[in-house]
Protein backbone atom coordinates (compact mmCIF):
# COMPACT_ATOMS: atom_id res chain seq x y z
CA UNK A 1 -0.13 -0.38 0.06
CA UNK A 2 1.24 3.62 -0.79
CA UNK A 3 0.88 5.32 2.55
CA UNK A 4 2.09 8.34 3.86
CA UNK A 5 5.86 6.78 5.53
CA UNK A 6 8.77 7.87 7.25
CA UNK A 7 9.76 9.75 4.03
CA UNK A 8 8.66 13.40 3.62
CA UNK A 9 7.25 14.42 0.43
CA UNK A 10 7.73 18.19 -0.63
CA UNK A 11 6.41 20.64 -2.80
CA UNK A 12 7.18 24.41 -3.86
CA UNK A 13 4.40 27.39 -2.97
CA UNK A 14 3.83 28.48 -6.57
CA UNK A 15 4.45 32.42 -7.00
CA UNK A 16 1.20 33.24 -8.13
CA UNK A 17 -0.15 31.78 -4.29
CA UNK A 18 1.34 34.61 -2.09
CA UNK A 19 -1.29 36.10 0.20
CA UNK A 20 -3.13 33.06 0.37
CA UNK A 21 -4.02 30.65 3.19
CA UNK A 22 -1.36 27.70 4.11
CA UNK A 23 -4.13 25.32 4.47
CA UNK A 24 -5.96 26.13 1.40
CA UNK A 25 -2.33 25.98 -0.99
CA UNK A 26 -1.35 22.73 0.78
CA UNK A 27 -4.69 21.38 -0.13
CA UNK A 28 -4.07 22.55 -3.70
CA UNK A 29 -0.35 20.82 -3.45
CA UNK A 30 -1.64 17.85 -2.31
CA UNK A 31 -5.25 16.97 -3.71
CA UNK A 32 -4.85 13.07 -2.84
CA UNK A 33 -5.44 13.52 0.47
CA UNK A 34 -8.96 15.18 2.23
CA UNK A 35 -8.61 18.79 3.72
CA UNK A 36 -9.48 17.21 7.46
CA UNK A 37 -7.04 15.24 7.04
CA UNK A 38 -4.43 17.82 5.60
CA UNK A 39 -5.69 20.12 8.62
CA UNK A 40 -4.73 17.64 11.19
CA UNK A 41 -1.38 17.45 9.56
CA UNK A 42 -0.70 21.22 10.06
CA UNK A 43 -1.78 21.03 13.57
CA UNK A 44 0.13 18.29 14.80
CA UNK A 45 3.27 19.93 12.54
CA UNK A 46 3.52 17.14 10.37
CA UNK A 47 2.80 19.76 7.69
CA UNK A 48 5.71 22.18 7.53
CA UNK A 49 6.02 25.65 5.66
CA UNK A 50 9.53 26.46 5.00
CA UNK A 51 10.53 24.03 7.69
CA UNK A 52 8.48 25.69 10.13
CA UNK A 53 5.68 24.87 11.75
CA UNK A 54 2.40 26.87 10.56
CA UNK A 55 -1.22 27.92 11.29
CA UNK A 56 -3.63 26.91 8.93
CA UNK A 57 -4.62 30.33 8.26
CA UNK A 58 -1.32 32.21 7.89
CA UNK A 59 -0.24 33.60 4.23
CA UNK A 60 2.03 31.60 2.06
CA UNK A 61 4.86 34.39 -0.13
CA UNK A 62 5.45 32.01 -2.70
CA UNK A 63 8.50 30.15 -3.53
CA UNK A 64 8.60 28.57 0.05
CA UNK A 65 9.24 24.17 0.06
CA UNK A 66 6.54 22.41 1.79
CA UNK A 67 7.23 19.45 3.67
CA UNK A 68 4.71 16.63 4.85
CA UNK A 69 6.19 14.32 7.11
CA UNK A 70 3.03 12.35 8.09
CA UNK A 71 3.36 8.90 9.66
CA UNK A 72 0.09 6.65 9.09
CA UNK A 73 -1.44 6.19 12.27
CA UNK A 74 -4.05 3.08 13.00
CA UNK A 75 -7.49 4.46 12.94
CA UNK A 76 -9.90 0.76 14.17
CA UNK A 77 -9.02 -1.59 16.78
CA UNK A 78 -10.96 -4.11 14.67
CA UNK A 79 -9.08 -7.30 14.93
CA UNK A 80 -8.28 -9.29 11.24
CA UNK A 81 -10.19 -12.21 11.24
CA UNK A 82 -9.81 -15.06 8.07
CA UNK A 83 -13.05 -14.55 6.68
CA UNK A 84 -13.69 -15.36 2.69
CA UNK A 85 -14.30 -12.54 0.66
CA UNK A 86 -15.24 -12.73 -2.77
CA UNK A 87 -13.45 -10.02 -4.82
CA UNK A 88 -14.56 -9.07 -8.00
CA UNK A 89 -11.82 -6.40 -9.13
CA UNK A 90 -8.22 -6.04 -7.65
CA UNK A 91 -5.49 -3.60 -8.06
CA UNK A 92 -3.16 -1.32 -6.07
CA UNK A 93 -6.06 1.07 -4.88
CA UNK A 94 -8.96 -0.70 -4.57
CA UNK A 95 -10.70 -3.86 -3.93
CA UNK A 96 -14.42 -4.54 -5.09
CA UNK A 97 -16.06 -6.95 -3.45
CA UNK A 98 -19.63 -9.03 -3.75
CA UNK A 99 -20.90 -8.68 -0.11
CA UNK A 100 -22.98 -11.83 1.12
CA UNK A 101 -26.27 -11.22 2.73
CA UNK A 102 -25.69 -11.60 6.74
CA UNK A 103 -22.28 -9.80 6.72
CA UNK A 104 -22.20 -6.81 8.73
CA UNK A 105 -20.50 -4.47 7.19
CA UNK A 106 -18.89 -2.17 10.60
CA UNK A 107 -18.14 -3.57 14.27
CA UNK A 108 -20.27 -2.07 16.79
CA UNK A 109 -22.76 -2.99 19.47
CA UNK A 110 -23.77 -6.50 19.28
CA UNK A 111 -21.30 -7.30 16.28
CA UNK A 112 -17.73 -6.68 17.88
CA UNK A 113 -16.39 -9.07 15.50
CA UNK A 114 -17.29 -11.34 12.77
CA UNK A 115 -18.03 -8.12 10.33
CA UNK A 116 -16.49 -6.97 6.68
CA UNK A 117 -14.09 -4.49 8.22
CA UNK A 118 -12.39 -7.82 10.47
CA UNK A 119 -12.47 -9.67 6.82
CA UNK A 120 -10.51 -6.77 5.09
CA UNK A 121 -8.39 -6.23 7.98
CA UNK A 122 -7.02 -9.56 7.04
CA UNK A 123 -6.94 -9.47 3.54
CA UNK A 124 -5.03 -5.82 3.54
CA UNK A 125 -3.54 -4.84 7.11
CA UNK A 126 -2.92 -1.76 5.87
CA UNK A 127 -6.29 -0.78 5.86
CA UNK A 128 -6.23 0.02 9.52
CA UNK A 129 -4.87 3.66 8.56
CA UNK A 130 -7.37 4.29 6.64
CA UNK A 131 -11.08 5.78 7.90
CA UNK A 132 -13.52 2.95 8.41
CA UNK A 133 -10.71 0.68 7.22
CA UNK A 134 -11.52 1.79 3.58
CA UNK A 135 -15.07 1.45 3.77
CA UNK A 136 -16.48 4.37 2.17
CA UNK A 137 -20.01 3.31 1.31
CA UNK A 138 -22.33 -0.06 2.86
CA UNK A 139 -24.55 -2.03 2.71
CA UNK A 140 -26.81 -2.68 5.11
CA UNK A 141 -26.44 -6.70 6.95
CA UNK A 142 -28.90 -8.15 5.17
CA UNK A 143 -28.29 -6.60 1.33
CA UNK A 144 -25.97 -8.66 -0.77
CA UNK A 145 -23.66 -7.25 -3.59
CA UNK A 146 -21.16 -5.04 -4.83
CA UNK A 147 -18.84 -2.53 -2.93
CA UNK A 148 -16.02 -0.79 -3.23
CA UNK A 149 -13.14 0.01 -0.69
CA UNK A 150 -10.09 2.00 -0.79
CA UNK A 151 -6.48 0.75 -0.35
CA UNK A 152 -4.75 3.91 -0.17
CA UNK A 153 -5.85 7.23 1.00
CA UNK A 154 -5.70 9.03 -2.56
CA UNK A 155 -8.51 6.79 -3.20
CA UNK A 156 -10.50 7.03 -0.51
CA UNK A 157 -10.39 10.97 -0.87
CA UNK A 158 -11.07 10.59 -4.33
CA UNK A 159 -14.12 7.64 -4.31
CA UNK A 160 -15.34 9.77 -1.09
CA UNK A 161 -15.33 13.21 -3.27
CA UNK A 162 -17.28 10.64 -6.17
CA UNK A 163 -19.85 9.82 -3.98
CA UNK A 164 -20.38 13.18 -2.25
CA UNK A 165 -21.06 15.15 -5.99
CA UNK A 166 -23.25 11.99 -7.41
CA UNK A 167 -20.44 10.72 -9.65
CA UNK A 168 -21.07 7.18 -8.41
CA UNK A 169 -23.37 4.75 -10.43
CA UNK A 170 -25.54 2.79 -8.04
CA UNK A 171 -27.77 0.05 -9.45
CA UNK A 172 -29.54 -2.43 -7.45
CA UNK A 173 -32.32 -5.38 -8.43
CA UNK A 174 -34.88 -5.08 -6.12
CA UNK A 175 -38.43 -7.71 -5.22
CA UNK A 176 -41.26 -5.52 -4.21
CA UNK A 177 -44.72 -6.30 -3.17
CA UNK A 178 -47.25 -5.64 -6.06
CA UNK A 179 -47.25 -5.80 -9.81
CA UNK A 180 -46.62 -2.36 -10.96
CA UNK A 181 -47.65 -1.32 -14.35
CA UNK A 182 -44.42 1.06 -14.81
CA UNK A 183 -41.15 2.75 -13.00
CA UNK A 184 -40.90 6.82 -11.96
CA UNK A 185 -38.69 8.24 -9.04
CA UNK A 186 -38.99 8.24 -5.61
CA UNK A 187 -37.96 11.67 -4.29
CA UNK A 188 -39.08 11.92 -0.68
CA UNK A 189 -36.44 13.37 2.43
CA UNK A 190 -35.23 10.55 4.85
CA UNK A 191 -34.21 10.90 8.15
CA UNK A 192 -34.54 9.19 11.51
CA UNK A 193 -37.79 7.68 12.87
CA UNK A 194 -39.10 9.72 15.51
CA UNK A 195 -39.72 6.88 17.56
CA UNK A 196 -37.98 3.84 16.80
CA UNK A 197 -34.25 4.44 16.38
CA UNK A 198 -33.72 1.67 14.62
CA UNK A 199 -35.49 2.63 11.88
CA UNK A 200 -35.77 5.43 9.09
CA UNK A 201 -38.65 7.18 7.91
CA UNK A 202 -39.83 9.57 5.10
CA UNK A 203 -39.93 13.32 6.60
CA UNK A 204 -40.44 16.49 5.74
CA UNK A 205 -37.35 18.23 7.64
CA UNK A 206 -34.57 14.78 6.22
CA UNK A 207 -32.34 15.02 4.09
CA UNK A 208 -32.21 14.95 0.28
CA UNK A 209 -33.35 11.47 -1.07
CA UNK A 210 -33.53 10.42 -4.79
CA UNK A 211 -34.52 7.05 -6.42
CA UNK A 212 -35.27 6.23 -9.72
CA UNK A 213 -36.51 2.79 -10.59
CA UNK A 214 -37.84 0.82 -13.49
CA UNK A 215 -39.42 -2.38 -14.22
CA UNK A 216 -37.35 -5.02 -14.80
CA UNK A 217 -39.80 -8.25 -14.57
CA UNK A 218 -43.45 -8.38 -13.61
CA UNK A 219 -44.98 -10.88 -11.80
CA UNK A 220 -49.10 -11.22 -10.55
CA UNK A 221 -48.61 -10.00 -7.22
CA UNK A 222 -44.91 -8.62 -6.75
CA UNK A 223 -42.42 -6.59 -9.38
CA UNK A 224 -38.40 -7.36 -10.00
CA UNK A 225 -37.30 -3.54 -10.00
CA UNK A 226 -34.19 -1.70 -11.10
CA UNK A 227 -33.52 0.93 -8.33
CA UNK A 228 -30.66 3.51 -9.24
CA UNK A 229 -29.61 5.69 -6.30
CA UNK A 230 -29.18 9.39 -6.81
CA UNK A 231 -28.58 9.71 -3.07
CA UNK A 232 -27.25 6.90 -0.55
CA UNK A 233 -29.26 7.43 2.49
CA UNK A 234 -29.60 4.88 5.38
CA UNK A 235 -31.71 2.56 4.54
CA UNK A 236 -32.92 4.67 1.48
CA UNK A 237 -34.37 1.95 -0.98
CA UNK A 238 -36.29 -0.01 1.42
CA UNK A 239 -37.72 3.45 2.83
CA UNK A 240 -38.48 4.61 -0.35
CA UNK A 241 -40.30 1.46 -1.35
CA UNK A 242 -42.61 1.36 1.47
CA UNK A 243 -43.39 4.88 1.21
CA UNK A 244 -45.08 4.19 -2.30
CA UNK A 245 -46.53 0.83 -0.79
CA UNK A 246 -44.43 -1.48 -2.28
CA UNK A 247 -42.36 -2.59 0.22
CA UNK A 248 -39.67 -5.06 -0.38
CA UNK A 249 -39.98 -8.95 -0.02
CA UNK A 250 -38.47 -10.15 3.51
CA UNK A 251 -38.30 -6.75 4.63
CA UNK A 252 -38.06 -6.95 8.49
CA UNK A 253 -38.14 -3.13 9.21
CA UNK A 254 -40.17 -2.38 6.45
CA UNK A 255 -42.19 -4.99 5.13
CA UNK A 256 -44.99 -5.46 7.26
CA UNK A 257 -47.31 -8.67 7.75
CA UNK A 258 -46.42 -11.39 4.97
CA UNK A 259 -49.74 -11.14 2.29
CA UNK A 260 -49.73 -14.07 -0.11
CA UNK A 261 -51.46 -13.43 -3.14
CA UNK A 262 -54.96 -15.03 -3.86
CA UNK A 263 -54.58 -18.54 -5.01
CA UNK A 264 -50.55 -18.62 -4.31
CA UNK A 265 -48.94 -21.99 -5.11
CA UNK A 266 -47.82 -23.88 -2.33
CA UNK A 267 -44.07 -23.26 -3.63
CA UNK A 268 -44.55 -19.88 -3.59
CA UNK A 269 -45.97 -19.75 0.05
CA UNK A 270 -43.11 -21.67 1.26
CA UNK A 271 -40.63 -19.51 -0.36
CA UNK A 272 -42.44 -16.24 0.37
CA UNK A 273 -42.40 -17.49 4.10
CA UNK A 274 -38.80 -18.62 4.34
CA UNK A 275 -37.64 -15.46 2.59
CA UNK A 276 -36.40 -14.24 6.00
CA UNK A 277 -34.30 -10.75 4.46
CA UNK A 278 -35.22 -8.01 2.53
CA UNK A 279 -35.09 -9.18 -1.61
CA UNK A 280 -32.32 -6.19 -1.84
CA UNK A 281 -29.29 -7.16 -3.82
CA UNK A 282 -26.60 -4.24 -5.15
CA UNK A 283 -26.09 -5.36 -8.85
CA UNK A 284 -23.80 -3.25 -10.49
CA UNK A 285 -21.02 -0.05 -9.49
CA UNK A 286 -19.27 2.30 -12.47
CA UNK A 287 -17.01 5.11 -11.03
CA UNK A 288 -13.88 6.33 -12.20
CA UNK A 289 -11.03 5.12 -10.86
CA UNK A 290 -9.85 7.23 -8.15
CA UNK A 291 -6.13 7.52 -9.33
CA UNK A 292 -5.87 6.69 -13.26
CA UNK A 293 -9.11 7.86 -13.62
CA UNK A 294 -10.53 5.11 -15.65
CA UNK A 295 -13.63 4.14 -15.69
CA UNK A 296 -14.24 1.05 -13.87
CA UNK A 297 -17.57 -1.02 -14.09
CA UNK A 298 -18.53 -4.21 -11.51
CA UNK A 299 -21.10 -6.41 -11.67
CA UNK A 300 -22.48 -8.82 -8.59
CA UNK A 301 -24.55 -12.12 -9.56
CA UNK A 302 -27.57 -12.87 -7.87
CA UNK A 303 -27.34 -14.64 -4.90
CA UNK A 304 -28.97 -17.71 -5.01
CA UNK A 305 -31.67 -17.20 -2.73
CA UNK A 306 -33.15 -14.47 -4.82
CA UNK A 307 -32.61 -16.49 -7.80
CA UNK A 308 -35.11 -18.85 -6.39
CA UNK A 309 -37.23 -16.18 -5.38
CA UNK A 310 -37.77 -15.09 -8.70
CA UNK A 311 -38.12 -19.10 -10.48
CA UNK A 312 -40.70 -19.43 -8.32
CA UNK A 313 -42.28 -15.89 -8.90
CA UNK A 314 -42.35 -16.96 -12.15
CA UNK A 315 -43.95 -20.48 -11.87
CA UNK A 316 -46.76 -19.06 -9.63
CA UNK A 317 -47.38 -16.23 -12.34
CA UNK A 318 -47.23 -18.77 -15.11
CA UNK A 319 -49.72 -21.25 -13.21
CA UNK A 320 -52.26 -18.55 -12.46
CA UNK A 321 -52.23 -17.05 -15.66
CA UNK A 322 -52.97 -20.47 -16.94
CA UNK A 323 -55.78 -20.71 -14.72
CA UNK A 324 -57.26 -17.91 -16.60
CA UNK A 325 -57.63 -19.07 -19.58
CA UNK A 326 -59.70 -22.46 -18.35
């Protein structure tokens, strides 16, 4: 991994930067690092102006040498664990992986170990010096699919910036209750539920949230939707689908009580009763490589439980259509 090391990096302040703040000039000279990280290094004395410690607001004259002598610090106390990972793409700057349903992303209350972070630290111990072990976005425990993880600070900074600018294409497959007749856009602000702290909710005073969706496959009482995130709020697709009164099949928080379609086949009844997680899969990620700028597109195959669910829905729909023709 290429992280800050004991070998200092140097750059020269351009003459035309005279009079500008030190922290702003430093951000221009070392754009691969976030402004917050650079500010911390200024305050710790790891970023020097003309060999001397300086304050972030101090003006530069132009022509000085800037020295960056930061040493990477461990930012996580999680313990590496040998947990298998399905890596779909890998280079020196990032991983793209297929997260299985049931795997928690970050350690926390009730999940101190056995998480994706523990697995990543075993795969690449250098991730310990990155914020959140390189994870720049998350999937819910029971959502499967593709995730990108930064392996270097420049990659982390670049990916976070792309996500903030809504430049990362994130496409999901969701199986929802109800036979929709068209796609659309859910644009409804989301924030923490006012009474249940485990849930999110559509709220007028919430944060902007936009989900675009289109029909992938229509069944007699369910629909497979292709969902594209414009924003990335917690539980966004799940909350928006509930708000539209088409909750995701199996969703334990937002799905409500199980309702079997009239005349459901035994196979469909068993499949719906047995599907204990939200039928939501992150299919595809597209972004510009944070270092090279080259386009990266990675897709994760549908997991077996969702493949099986879709097959049963197709069979039930065929059986119902045949019964209508009799």
